Amino acid sequence: MKDEGTVPVTVHLPRPMYLLLARTARKNQTEVGPLIVAVVRLATEKVRPRGSRRAPAPARPWTPEEDSTLQAMHAAHASGPEIAMAMGRSNSSVSLRRTQLGLTPHYNGRPRKDAS
């Protein structure tokens, strides 16, 4: 007897997975069929098809006020993660903006020496 709304589907399971489901069915004293249906249902609900990644959120533009805050915190020798937390930005965003503004990173409280 079929449930309403079900469609017969052929599913090819790898042998180790089928054996695991069969062992689980014997342990729980149930049939393998409902377990396979449950696994297939979970797999189709939870897994997105390959190549269907969501696009990243667009970057929030930097405002002049944020630039001045970044420059002030940089002058006070705040670390990148500290600045990022205070401004609600990612570490990479703060690092990129520091580079765009021409601010050299501080190491141990001192500006980095040039390699020249």
N, C-alpha and C. Protein backbone atom coordinates (compact mmCIF):
# COMPACT_ATOMS: atom_id res chain seq x y z
N MET A 1 0.84 -1.18 0.00
CA MET A 1 0.00 0.00 0.00
C MET A 1 0.88 1.24 0.00
N LYS A 2 0.71 2.10 -1.00
CA LYS A 2 1.53 3.30 -1.15
C LYS A 2 0.92 4.46 -0.38
N ASP A 3 1.83 5.30 0.15
CA ASP A 3 1.37 6.55 0.75
C ASP A 3 1.01 7.51 -0.36
N GLU A 4 0.08 8.40 -0.09
CA GLU A 4 -0.26 9.39 -1.12
C GLU A 4 0.90 10.35 -1.30
N GLY A 5 1.16 10.72 -2.52
CA GLY A 5 2.23 11.68 -2.82
C GLY A 5 3.60 11.06 -2.95
N THR A 6 3.73 9.74 -2.84
CA THR A 6 5.04 9.13 -2.99
C THR A 6 5.25 8.70 -4.43
N VAL A 7 6.49 8.74 -4.83
CA VAL A 7 6.86 8.35 -6.18
C VAL A 7 7.90 7.26 -6.06
N PRO A 8 7.74 6.15 -6.76
CA PRO A 8 8.77 5.11 -6.67
C PRO A 8 10.08 5.61 -7.28
N VAL A 9 11.16 5.39 -6.56
CA VAL A 9 12.48 5.86 -6.98
C VAL A 9 13.47 4.71 -6.82
N THR A 10 14.37 4.59 -7.77
CA THR A 10 15.45 3.61 -7.65
C THR A 10 16.65 4.32 -7.05
N VAL A 11 17.16 3.76 -5.96
CA VAL A 11 18.31 4.36 -5.28
C VAL A 11 19.44 3.35 -5.29
N HIS A 12 20.61 3.77 -5.71
CA HIS A 12 21.79 2.92 -5.71
C HIS A 12 22.67 3.34 -4.54
N LEU A 13 22.73 2.47 -3.54
CA LEU A 13 23.55 2.73 -2.37
C LEU A 13 24.85 1.96 -2.47
N PRO A 14 25.95 2.54 -2.01
CA PRO A 14 27.18 1.75 -1.93
C PRO A 14 26.97 0.58 -0.96
N ARG A 15 27.60 -0.54 -1.27
CA ARG A 15 27.41 -1.75 -0.46
C ARG A 15 27.68 -1.51 1.03
N PRO A 16 28.77 -0.82 1.43
CA PRO A 16 28.99 -0.61 2.86
C PRO A 16 27.85 0.15 3.53
N MET A 17 27.26 1.13 2.82
CA MET A 17 26.15 1.88 3.40
C MET A 17 24.92 0.98 3.55
N TYR A 18 24.66 0.15 2.55
CA TYR A 18 23.52 -0.76 2.63
C TYR A 18 23.70 -1.74 3.79
N LEU A 19 24.93 -2.27 3.94
CA LEU A 19 25.18 -3.21 5.03
C LEU A 19 25.01 -2.54 6.39
N LEU A 20 25.43 -1.28 6.50
CA LEU A 20 25.24 -0.54 7.75
C LEU A 20 23.75 -0.35 8.05
N LEU A 21 22.98 0.00 7.01
CA LEU A 21 21.54 0.16 7.20
C LEU A 21 20.87 -1.17 7.56
N ALA A 22 21.32 -2.26 6.92
CA ALA A 22 20.75 -3.57 7.22
C ALA A 22 21.06 -3.97 8.67
N ARG A 23 22.31 -3.71 9.10
CA ARG A 23 22.70 -4.02 10.48
C ARG A 23 21.88 -3.20 11.47
N THR A 24 21.67 -1.91 11.15
CA THR A 24 20.86 -1.04 12.01
C THR A 24 19.41 -1.53 12.05
N ALA A 25 18.90 -1.96 10.93
CA ALA A 25 17.52 -2.45 10.88
C ALA A 25 17.36 -3.71 11.73
N ARG A 26 18.34 -4.64 11.63
CA ARG A 26 18.27 -5.86 12.45
C ARG A 26 18.34 -5.51 13.94
N LYS A 27 19.22 -4.56 14.28
CA LYS A 27 19.38 -4.16 15.68
C LYS A 27 18.09 -3.55 16.23
N ASN A 28 17.42 -2.74 15.42
CA ASN A 28 16.19 -2.07 15.86
C ASN A 28 14.93 -2.89 15.55
N GLN A 29 15.12 -4.07 15.01
CA GLN A 29 14.02 -4.96 14.65
C GLN A 29 13.01 -4.26 13.73
N THR A 30 13.52 -3.68 12.67
CA THR A 30 12.68 -3.01 11.68
C THR A 30 13.12 -3.44 10.30
N GLU A 31 12.50 -2.91 9.28
CA GLU A 31 12.86 -3.25 7.90
C GLU A 31 13.86 -2.25 7.36
N VAL A 32 14.58 -2.65 6.34
CA VAL A 32 15.59 -1.79 5.73
C VAL A 32 14.93 -0.68 4.91
N GLY A 33 13.83 -0.98 4.25
CA GLY A 33 13.17 -0.01 3.36
C GLY A 33 12.90 1.34 3.99
N PRO A 34 12.23 1.38 5.15
CA PRO A 34 11.96 2.67 5.77
C PRO A 34 13.24 3.44 6.14
N LEU A 35 14.30 2.71 6.52
CA LEU A 35 15.57 3.38 6.82
C LEU A 35 16.15 4.04 5.57
N ILE A 36 16.10 3.32 4.45
CA ILE A 36 16.61 3.87 3.20
C ILE A 36 15.80 5.11 2.81
N VAL A 37 14.49 5.03 2.95
CA VAL A 37 13.64 6.17 2.64
C VAL A 37 14.02 7.36 3.52
N ALA A 38 14.25 7.11 4.81
CA ALA A 38 14.62 8.19 5.73
C ALA A 38 15.97 8.80 5.35
N VAL A 39 16.94 7.97 5.00
CA VAL A 39 18.26 8.47 4.61
C VAL A 39 18.17 9.30 3.34
N VAL A 40 17.43 8.81 2.36
CA VAL A 40 17.29 9.56 1.11
C VAL A 40 16.57 10.87 1.35
N ARG A 41 15.53 10.85 2.18
CA ARG A 41 14.79 12.08 2.48
C ARG A 41 15.69 13.10 3.17
N LEU A 42 16.49 12.65 4.15
CA LEU A 42 17.41 13.56 4.84
C LEU A 42 18.46 14.12 3.87
N ALA A 43 18.98 13.24 3.03
CA ALA A 43 20.03 13.67 2.10
C ALA A 43 19.50 14.71 1.12
N THR A 44 18.30 14.55 0.65
CA THR A 44 17.77 15.50 -0.33
C THR A 44 17.33 16.80 0.32
N GLU A 45 16.99 16.78 1.60
CA GLU A 45 16.58 18.00 2.27
C GLU A 45 17.76 18.84 2.72
N LYS A 46 18.82 18.20 3.20
CA LYS A 46 19.91 18.92 3.85
C LYS A 46 21.04 19.30 2.91
N VAL A 47 21.21 18.60 1.82
CA VAL A 47 22.37 18.81 0.96
C VAL A 47 21.96 19.60 -0.27
N ARG A 48 22.68 20.68 -0.52
CA ARG A 48 22.44 21.44 -1.76
C ARG A 48 23.23 20.81 -2.89
N PRO A 49 22.70 20.86 -4.10
CA PRO A 49 23.46 20.32 -5.24
C PRO A 49 24.77 21.07 -5.42
N ARG A 50 25.74 20.40 -5.99
CA ARG A 50 27.04 21.03 -6.24
C ARG A 50 26.87 22.26 -7.11
N GLY A 51 27.67 23.27 -6.80
CA GLY A 51 27.64 24.49 -7.60
C GLY A 51 26.51 25.44 -7.25
N SER A 52 25.76 25.15 -6.18
CA SER A 52 24.65 26.04 -5.84
C SER A 52 24.96 26.84 -4.58
N ARG A 53 26.19 27.29 -4.46
CA ARG A 53 26.58 28.08 -3.29
C ARG A 53 25.91 29.44 -3.35
N ARG A 54 25.63 29.93 -2.19
CA ARG A 54 25.05 31.27 -2.13
C ARG A 54 26.15 32.30 -2.37
N ALA A 55 25.78 33.38 -3.00
CA ALA A 55 26.74 34.46 -3.24
C ALA A 55 27.05 35.15 -1.92
N PRO A 56 28.31 35.58 -1.73
CA PRO A 56 28.64 36.27 -0.49
C PRO A 56 27.91 37.61 -0.40
N ALA A 57 27.73 38.07 0.80
CA ALA A 57 27.06 39.35 1.00
C ALA A 57 27.93 40.46 0.42
N PRO A 58 27.34 41.47 -0.17
CA PRO A 58 28.15 42.55 -0.74
C PRO A 58 28.89 43.29 0.37
N ALA A 59 30.10 43.74 0.04
CA ALA A 59 30.92 44.44 1.02
C ALA A 59 30.31 45.80 1.34
N ARG A 60 30.34 46.13 2.62
CA ARG A 60 29.84 47.43 3.06
C ARG A 60 30.93 48.47 2.80
N PRO A 61 30.64 49.54 2.08
CA PRO A 61 31.68 50.53 1.79
C PRO A 61 32.16 51.23 3.06
N TRP A 62 33.41 51.63 3.05
CA TRP A 62 33.98 52.34 4.18
C TRP A 62 33.56 53.81 4.12
N THR A 63 33.16 54.34 5.24
CA THR A 63 32.78 55.76 5.33
C THR A 63 33.99 56.57 5.79
N PRO A 64 33.99 57.88 5.55
CA PRO A 64 35.10 58.71 6.03
C PRO A 64 35.25 58.64 7.56
N GLU A 65 34.14 58.51 8.27
CA GLU A 65 34.21 58.41 9.74
C GLU A 65 34.92 57.12 10.15
N GLU A 66 34.62 56.02 9.44
CA GLU A 66 35.28 54.76 9.75
C GLU A 66 36.77 54.84 9.42
N ASP A 67 37.11 55.53 8.33
CA ASP A 67 38.52 55.70 7.99
C ASP A 67 39.26 56.46 9.08
N SER A 68 38.65 57.52 9.60
CA SER A 68 39.32 58.30 10.65
C SER A 68 39.43 57.49 11.94
N THR A 69 38.41 56.68 12.24
CA THR A 69 38.47 55.80 13.42
C THR A 69 39.58 54.78 13.25
N LEU A 70 39.68 54.20 12.06
CA LEU A 70 40.73 53.23 11.78
C LEU A 70 42.10 53.87 11.94
N GLN A 71 42.28 55.07 11.40
CA GLN A 71 43.57 55.75 11.51
C GLN A 71 43.90 56.07 12.96
N ALA A 72 42.91 56.49 13.74
CA ALA A 72 43.16 56.82 15.15
C ALA A 72 43.53 55.57 15.95
N MET A 73 42.80 54.48 15.71
CA MET A 73 43.11 53.24 16.43
C MET A 73 44.47 52.68 16.00
N HIS A 74 44.80 52.85 14.73
CA HIS A 74 46.11 52.42 14.23
C HIS A 74 47.22 53.23 14.90
N ALA A 75 47.01 54.54 15.01
CA ALA A 75 48.01 55.40 15.66
C ALA A 75 48.17 55.04 17.14
N ALA A 76 47.10 54.51 17.75
CA ALA A 76 47.16 54.10 19.16
C ALA A 76 47.71 52.67 19.30
N HIS A 77 48.22 52.11 18.22
CA HIS A 77 48.83 50.78 18.18
C HIS A 77 47.85 49.66 18.54
N ALA A 78 46.59 49.82 18.15
CA ALA A 78 45.61 48.74 18.33
C ALA A 78 45.90 47.65 17.30
N SER A 79 45.67 46.41 17.68
CA SER A 79 45.90 45.30 16.75
C SER A 79 44.76 45.21 15.74
N GLY A 80 45.01 44.49 14.66
CA GLY A 80 43.99 44.31 13.64
C GLY A 80 42.70 43.69 14.17
N PRO A 81 42.81 42.59 14.95
CA PRO A 81 41.59 42.00 15.51
C PRO A 81 40.84 42.94 16.46
N GLU A 82 41.59 43.75 17.22
CA GLU A 82 40.93 44.72 18.12
C GLU A 82 40.15 45.76 17.31
N ILE A 83 40.76 46.24 16.25
CA ILE A 83 40.10 47.24 15.40
C ILE A 83 38.87 46.61 14.75
N ALA A 84 39.03 45.39 14.25
CA ALA A 84 37.93 44.70 13.58
C ALA A 84 36.75 44.51 14.53
N MET A 85 37.02 44.09 15.76
CA MET A 85 35.94 43.89 16.74
C MET A 85 35.26 45.21 17.06
N ALA A 86 36.04 46.27 17.25
CA ALA A 86 35.47 47.56 17.63
C ALA A 86 34.62 48.16 16.50
N MET A 87 35.01 47.87 15.25
CA MET A 87 34.32 48.48 14.12
C MET A 87 33.27 47.56 13.49
N GLY A 88 33.19 46.33 13.95
CA GLY A 88 32.22 45.40 13.37
C GLY A 88 32.59 44.98 11.96
N ARG A 89 33.87 44.84 11.71
CA ARG A 89 34.40 44.44 10.41
C ARG A 89 35.22 43.16 10.56
N SER A 90 35.53 42.52 9.45
CA SER A 90 36.38 41.33 9.51
C SER A 90 37.85 41.75 9.57
N ASN A 91 38.70 40.84 10.06
CA ASN A 91 40.13 41.13 10.12
C ASN A 91 40.69 41.43 8.73
N SER A 92 40.25 40.66 7.74
CA SER A 92 40.77 40.87 6.39
C SER A 92 40.32 42.22 5.83
N SER A 93 39.10 42.64 6.17
CA SER A 93 38.61 43.94 5.70
C SER A 93 39.46 45.07 6.28
N VAL A 94 39.76 44.97 7.58
CA VAL A 94 40.59 45.99 8.23
C VAL A 94 41.99 45.99 7.65
N SER A 95 42.55 44.81 7.44
CA SER A 95 43.89 44.71 6.88
C SER A 95 43.96 45.31 5.48
N LEU A 96 42.96 45.01 4.65
CA LEU A 96 42.92 45.56 3.30
C LEU A 96 42.79 47.08 3.33
N ARG A 97 41.92 47.58 4.20
CA ARG A 97 41.72 49.03 4.26
C ARG A 97 42.96 49.74 4.78
N ARG A 98 43.67 49.12 5.73
CA ARG A 98 44.95 49.70 6.20
C ARG A 98 45.91 49.85 5.03
N THR A 99 45.99 48.81 4.21
CA THR A 99 46.88 48.86 3.05
C THR A 99 46.45 49.94 2.07
N GLN A 100 45.14 50.05 1.83
CA GLN A 100 44.65 51.07 0.90
C GLN A 100 44.92 52.49 1.41
N LEU A 101 44.91 52.67 2.73
CA LEU A 101 45.17 53.98 3.30
C LEU A 101 46.66 54.24 3.49
N GLY A 102 47.50 53.26 3.19
CA GLY A 102 48.94 53.44 3.30
C GLY A 102 49.46 53.34 4.73
N LEU A 103 48.71 52.67 5.60
CA LEU A 103 49.14 52.50 6.99
C LEU A 103 49.96 51.22 7.09
N THR A 104 51.16 51.32 7.68
CA THR A 104 51.99 50.13 7.82
C THR A 104 51.60 49.40 9.09
N PRO A 105 51.57 48.07 9.05
CA PRO A 105 51.19 47.31 10.24
C PRO A 105 52.22 47.48 11.36
N HIS A 106 51.77 47.43 12.59
CA HIS A 106 52.64 47.51 13.76
C HIS A 106 52.93 46.10 14.25
N TYR A 107 54.17 45.86 14.62
CA TYR A 107 54.56 44.60 15.21
C TYR A 107 55.21 44.89 16.55
N ASN A 108 54.69 44.32 17.61
CA ASN A 108 55.19 44.54 18.97
C ASN A 108 55.22 46.02 19.33
N GLY A 109 54.24 46.76 18.87
CA GLY A 109 54.14 48.16 19.23
C GLY A 109 55.00 49.09 18.41
N ARG A 110 55.77 48.55 17.45
CA ARG A 110 56.63 49.39 16.62
C ARG A 110 56.32 49.15 15.15
N PRO A 111 56.47 50.18 14.32
CA PRO A 111 56.24 49.95 12.90
C PRO A 111 57.26 48.94 12.35
N ARG A 112 56.83 48.17 11.36
CA ARG A 112 57.72 47.18 10.76
C ARG A 112 58.83 47.89 9.99
N LYS A 113 60.03 47.32 10.08
CA LYS A 113 61.16 47.89 9.33
C LYS A 113 61.03 47.51 7.87
N ASP A 114 61.44 48.43 6.99
CA ASP A 114 61.40 48.13 5.56
C ASP A 114 62.48 47.12 5.24
N ALA A 115 62.23 46.31 4.24
CA ALA A 115 63.17 45.24 3.85
C ALA A 115 64.34 45.78 3.06
N SER A 116 64.39 47.08 2.77
CA SER A 116 65.48 47.60 1.92
C SER A 116 66.77 47.78 2.63
